[in-house]
Protein backbone atom coordinates (compact mmCIF):
# COMPACT_ATOMS: atom_id res chain seq x y z
CA MET A 1 -12.87 -19.45 -2.57
CA ALA A 2 -8.45 -19.29 -3.79
CA VAL A 3 -8.84 -19.24 -6.84
CA ALA A 4 -5.36 -20.28 -9.26
CA HIS A 5 -5.18 -20.12 -12.97
CA GLY A 6 -4.38 -24.26 -12.74
CA SER A 7 -2.16 -25.73 -15.37
CA ARG A 8 -1.78 -29.54 -16.84
CA ASP A 9 1.32 -29.69 -15.03
CA PRO A 10 0.47 -31.62 -11.58
CA ARG A 11 2.90 -29.51 -9.52
CA ALA A 12 1.42 -26.98 -10.16
CA ALA A 13 -1.92 -27.94 -9.03
CA ALA A 14 0.33 -29.60 -5.81
CA THR A 15 1.97 -26.45 -4.60
CA VAL A 16 -1.80 -24.85 -4.35
CA SER A 17 -2.46 -27.00 -1.72
CA GLU A 18 0.52 -26.50 -0.03
CA LEU A 19 0.07 -23.26 -0.05
CA LEU A 20 -3.82 -23.79 1.40
CA GLU A 21 -2.40 -26.05 4.26
CA VAL A 22 -0.44 -23.15 5.23
CA VAL A 23 -2.69 -21.10 5.17
CA ARG A 24 -4.91 -23.06 7.12
CA GLU A 25 -2.21 -23.23 9.64
CA ARG A 26 -2.59 -19.39 10.09
CA ALA A 27 -5.85 -18.76 9.74
CA ARG A 28 -7.18 -21.49 12.05
CA GLY A 29 -10.47 -22.07 12.02
CA LEU A 30 -11.26 -20.95 7.95
CA ASP A 31 -13.02 -22.38 6.16
CA VAL A 32 -10.68 -22.07 2.44
CA ARG A 33 -11.09 -24.30 -0.52
CA ALA A 34 -9.45 -24.13 -3.97
CA ALA A 35 -10.77 -23.52 -7.40
CA PHE A 36 -8.75 -23.52 -10.92
CA LEU A 37 -9.86 -21.34 -13.82
CA ASP A 38 -8.03 -23.62 -16.58
CA HIS A 39 -6.98 -27.43 -16.80
CA CYS A 40 -7.66 -28.45 -13.13
CA ALA A 41 -11.11 -29.23 -11.01
CA PRO A 42 -13.03 -27.94 -9.33
CA SER A 43 -13.77 -24.73 -11.69
CA LEU A 44 -15.11 -21.55 -9.88
CA PRO A 45 -18.57 -21.89 -10.26
CA ARG A 46 -19.04 -26.04 -9.23
CA ALA A 47 -16.86 -24.79 -6.14
CA LEU A 48 -18.72 -21.67 -5.42
CA GLY A 49 -21.97 -24.15 -6.11
CA SER A 50 -20.11 -26.41 -3.47
CA LEU A 51 -20.89 -24.16 -0.31
CA ASP A 52 -24.41 -25.06 0.80
CA GLY A 53 -25.74 -21.47 0.89
CA ARG A 54 -23.01 -20.01 2.85
CA PRO A 55 -21.30 -16.80 1.80
CA ALA A 56 -18.12 -16.49 0.45
CA VAL A 57 -14.69 -14.55 -0.35
CA VAL A 58 -13.25 -15.09 -3.97
CA VAL A 59 -9.36 -14.34 -3.36
CA PRO A 60 -7.34 -14.38 -6.85
CA LEU A 61 -4.18 -16.85 -6.42
CA LEU A 62 -2.48 -14.32 -9.31
CA LEU A 63 0.42 -11.81 -9.31
CA THR A 64 -0.56 -9.29 -11.48
CA ALA A 65 -4.14 -8.02 -12.09
CA ALA A 66 -4.73 -8.69 -16.51
CA TYR A 67 -6.82 -10.72 -17.89
CA HIS A 68 -8.09 -13.17 -15.78
CA SER A 69 -8.67 -10.78 -12.61
CA LYS A 70 -10.33 -8.11 -14.66
CA THR A 71 -12.13 -10.70 -17.22
CA ASP A 72 -12.48 -14.34 -16.75
CA ILE A 73 -13.02 -14.15 -12.78
CA PRO A 74 -15.47 -11.71 -12.81
CA ALA A 75 -17.35 -14.18 -15.74
CA ARG A 76 -17.12 -16.77 -13.93
CA LEU A 77 -18.39 -15.77 -11.21
CA ALA A 78 -21.48 -14.47 -13.13
CA GLU A 79 -22.13 -17.42 -14.50
CA ALA A 80 -21.82 -19.16 -11.29
CA ALA A 81 -24.67 -16.83 -9.77
CA ALA A 82 -26.79 -17.52 -13.10
CA ALA A 83 -26.42 -20.94 -11.73
CA ARG A 84 -26.83 -20.70 -7.91
CA PRO A 85 -28.33 -17.21 -7.18
CA GLY A 86 -28.35 -16.67 -3.43
CA PRO A 87 -24.90 -16.34 -1.20
CA ALA A 88 -22.96 -13.19 -1.02
CA VAL A 89 -19.90 -13.39 -3.40
CA ALA A 90 -17.47 -11.13 -2.60
CA CYS A 91 -13.53 -11.08 -4.53
CA SER A 92 -10.54 -9.11 -3.17
CA GLY A 93 -7.82 -7.98 -5.20
CA THR A 94 -4.93 -10.41 -6.86
CA LEU A 95 -1.89 -10.90 -4.00
CA GLY A 96 0.09 -8.70 -5.88
CA PRO A 97 1.99 -6.98 -6.18
CA HIS A 98 2.51 -6.53 -1.86
CA PRO A 99 5.46 -6.03 0.06
CA LEU A 100 5.53 -9.27 1.59
CA LEU A 101 6.50 -10.57 -1.99
CA THR A 102 9.34 -8.87 -2.30
CA THR A 103 9.80 -10.23 1.24
CA ALA A 104 8.97 -13.73 -0.03
CA LEU A 105 11.10 -13.62 -3.51
CA GLU A 106 13.89 -13.46 -1.16
CA ARG A 107 13.30 -15.72 1.06
CA ARG A 108 13.32 -17.80 -2.09
CA LEU A 109 16.81 -16.03 -3.56
CA GLY A 110 18.02 -16.82 0.14
CA GLU A 111 17.19 -20.33 0.06
CA ALA A 112 19.13 -20.59 -3.72
CA GLY A 113 22.35 -19.52 -1.95
CA VAL A 114 22.44 -15.72 -2.40
CA ALA A 115 22.80 -14.17 0.88
CA VAL A 116 20.08 -11.66 0.79
CA GLY A 117 21.08 -10.22 3.98
CA ASP A 118 24.49 -9.28 3.64
CA PRO A 119 24.35 -5.38 2.00
CA GLY A 120 27.34 -5.63 0.49
CA VAL A 121 26.40 -8.69 -1.54
CA ARG A 122 22.95 -6.67 -2.38
CA ALA A 123 25.25 -3.84 -3.24
CA ALA A 124 27.41 -5.80 -6.31
CA THR A 125 24.80 -8.16 -7.77
CA GLY A 126 22.08 -8.26 -10.84
CA VAL A 127 18.87 -9.47 -10.13
CA VAL A 128 16.46 -10.11 -12.95
CA LEU A 129 12.80 -10.65 -11.78
CA ALA A 130 10.99 -12.80 -13.91
CA SER A 131 7.40 -12.87 -14.18
CA ALA A 132 5.20 -14.61 -16.19
CA GLY A 133 4.33 -11.91 -18.73
CA SER A 134 0.92 -10.32 -19.75
CA SER A 135 -0.78 -9.31 -22.95
CA ASP A 136 -1.89 -6.17 -20.64
CA PRO A 137 0.52 -3.55 -20.48
CA ALA A 138 -0.52 -2.26 -17.18
CA ALA A 139 0.35 -5.66 -15.51
CA ASN A 140 3.91 -5.38 -16.55
CA ALA A 141 4.13 -2.31 -15.51
CA THR A 142 3.62 -3.44 -12.45
CA ILE A 143 6.12 -5.66 -11.99
CA ALA A 144 8.73 -3.28 -14.02
CA ALA A 145 7.61 -0.85 -10.60
CA LEU A 146 7.98 -3.37 -8.66
CA ALA A 147 11.43 -3.94 -10.26
CA ALA A 148 12.10 -0.53 -9.33
CA ARG A 149 11.27 -0.68 -6.05
CA TRP A 150 13.00 -3.83 -5.32
CA GLN A 151 16.23 -2.13 -6.20
CA ARG A 152 15.30 1.41 -4.39
CA GLU A 153 14.76 0.15 -0.78
CA ARG A 154 16.38 -3.01 -0.71
CA GLY A 155 19.74 -2.14 -2.35
CA TRP A 156 20.52 -4.28 -4.94
CA ARG A 157 22.83 -3.25 -8.23
CA ALA A 158 20.05 -3.51 -10.31
CA VAL A 159 17.10 -5.04 -10.79
CA LEU A 160 16.00 -5.77 -14.03
CA PRO A 161 11.80 -6.88 -14.72
CA ALA A 162 11.55 -9.27 -17.50
CA TYR A 163 8.84 -11.92 -19.04
CA ALA A 164 8.73 -15.44 -20.24
CA SER A 165 6.05 -14.35 -22.69
CA ALA A 166 3.84 -11.30 -24.47
CA ALA A 167 6.73 -8.23 -23.44
CA GLY A 168 10.37 -8.45 -23.32
CA PRO A 169 12.95 -8.69 -22.42
CA ARG A 170 13.32 -12.14 -22.09
CA PRO A 171 14.80 -13.26 -18.75
CA ALA A 172 17.84 -14.32 -20.77
CA GLU A 173 18.14 -11.10 -22.73
CA ALA A 174 17.65 -9.39 -19.76
CA VAL A 175 21.02 -12.35 -17.71
CA ALA A 176 22.98 -11.11 -20.83
CA ALA A 177 22.20 -6.99 -21.03
CA LEU A 178 23.59 -7.15 -16.82
CA HIS A 179 26.29 -8.85 -17.80
CA SER A 180 26.57 -6.34 -20.46
CA ALA A 181 26.89 -3.39 -18.29
CA GLY A 182 29.16 -5.33 -16.01
CA MET A 183 27.63 -6.97 -13.18
CA SER A 184 28.47 -9.89 -11.83
CA PRO A 185 26.71 -12.23 -10.63
CA VAL A 186 23.74 -11.82 -11.96
CA VAL A 187 21.02 -13.86 -10.17
CA VAL A 188 17.04 -14.71 -11.34
CA ALA A 189 14.89 -14.04 -8.75
CA THR A 190 11.20 -15.90 -9.96
CA TYR A 191 8.27 -14.13 -9.41
CA LEU A 192 5.81 -16.79 -9.98
CA LEU A 193 3.05 -18.88 -7.68
CA ALA A 194 3.73 -22.67 -8.92
CA PRO A 195 5.82 -24.65 -11.47
CA GLY A 196 5.36 -25.85 -14.75
CA TYR A 197 6.21 -24.22 -18.13
CA PHE A 198 7.22 -20.46 -17.23
CA ALA A 199 8.96 -21.71 -14.50
CA ASP A 200 10.78 -24.59 -16.17
CA GLU A 201 11.32 -21.69 -19.48
CA VAL A 202 12.83 -18.89 -16.72
CA ARG A 203 15.09 -21.54 -14.93
CA ASP A 204 16.70 -23.36 -18.82
CA ALA A 205 16.68 -19.88 -20.58
CA ALA A 206 18.35 -17.87 -18.03
CA LEU A 207 21.14 -20.51 -16.61
CA GLY A 208 21.87 -20.75 -20.35
CA ALA A 209 22.47 -16.82 -20.61
CA GLY A 210 24.46 -17.39 -17.84
CA ALA A 211 22.73 -16.38 -14.63
CA ALA A 212 24.53 -17.68 -10.98
CA THR A 213 21.36 -18.87 -9.72
CA VAL A 214 17.31 -18.94 -10.11
CA SER A 215 15.42 -19.01 -7.60
CA GLY A 216 12.77 -21.49 -6.64
CA VAL A 217 9.40 -20.07 -7.17
CA LEU A 218 7.24 -18.39 -4.36
CA GLY A 219 4.80 -21.21 -3.77
CA ALA A 220 4.10 -21.94 -0.24
CA ALA A 221 6.34 -19.14 1.63
CA PRO A 222 4.56 -17.92 4.45
CA GLU A 223 4.68 -14.52 2.99
CA VAL A 224 2.07 -15.81 0.21
CA ALA A 225 -0.32 -17.31 2.93
CA ASP A 226 0.03 -14.41 4.78
CA THR A 227 -1.12 -12.81 1.76
CA VAL A 228 -4.12 -14.26 0.87
CA ILE A 229 -5.23 -14.28 4.25
CA GLU A 230 -4.81 -10.46 4.02
CA ARG A 231 -6.35 -9.90 0.94
CA TYR A 232 -9.02 -12.39 2.36
CA LEU A 233 -9.23 -9.62 5.53
CA ASP A 234 -9.55 -6.96 3.44
CA ALA A 235 -12.89 -8.57 1.26
CA VAL A 236 -14.44 -9.33 4.39
CA SER A 237 -13.91 -5.71 5.95
CA ALA A 238 -15.06 -3.97 2.42
CA ALA A 239 -18.12 -6.36 2.54
CA ARG A 240 -19.44 -5.66 6.06
CA PRO A 241 -21.05 -2.55 5.03
CA GLN A 242 -23.18 -3.32 2.50
CA ARG A 243 -25.72 -6.05 5.25
CA ALA A 244 -28.77 -5.01 5.62
CA PRO A 245 -28.85 -3.66 10.28
CA GLY A 246 -30.59 -5.58 12.62
CA ARG A 247 -29.24 -8.92 10.86
CA GLY A 248 -27.70 -10.13 13.76
CA ARG A 249 -24.22 -11.30 13.30
CA SER A 250 -23.32 -13.04 10.06
CA ARG A 251 -21.17 -16.44 9.45
CA VAL A 252 -17.05 -15.56 8.59
CA PRO A 253 -17.57 -15.90 4.77
CA ALA A 254 -15.64 -18.69 3.25
CA LEU A 255 -12.41 -18.95 1.32
CA ALA A 256 -13.22 -21.57 -0.27
């Protein structure tokens, strides 16, 4: 079960649908379904209840481990288990951090006109890594570590983390800081899964602060789909030793 945050913005659910269609194409035969934590249907308990007793793997479509993965999803899984005991449900880790998502970030920057394949361009370019931000300091530290690793491994002149909410610097502040340090161009890599309020805010604020370009959300990039599949397979593998011996071959759990 691919579980997204959910949004009042219809573009978000449409993007999740596009992403899961790519997952289906790249993992043929896998039963892939969506659920949402808020604003959209179906809810996680309702979606799990529709499986008719089949085991399932829950994959959070979240880019960092924070409240939703640590508290919200476990509570929804407990609710589902209380309502309908029986089928085994495993839960994977969040999508991020993962090296494939860094590749997806560069894909989106390339689509926005940045020559990411040119080492000289990377060495001259300051990047703002713009995420949603969290009240969980560990989640924000994950973004900061990702920014440092991306700069080190790919040779960008600088990669500065920024947060659209709950923490600082905000994207506009990060753009201004890189400009003040003498960097030009400054571009913004949008580390968000789907369009919506935060993505619009990041774009508008960053361009208003003088960013040369702002990349699109990660969305249905093939690297994101491959990360979903990898998280699913990891969860299946982790759950496999827990099966009782002598039960024969079990059915493949749904990524419902």
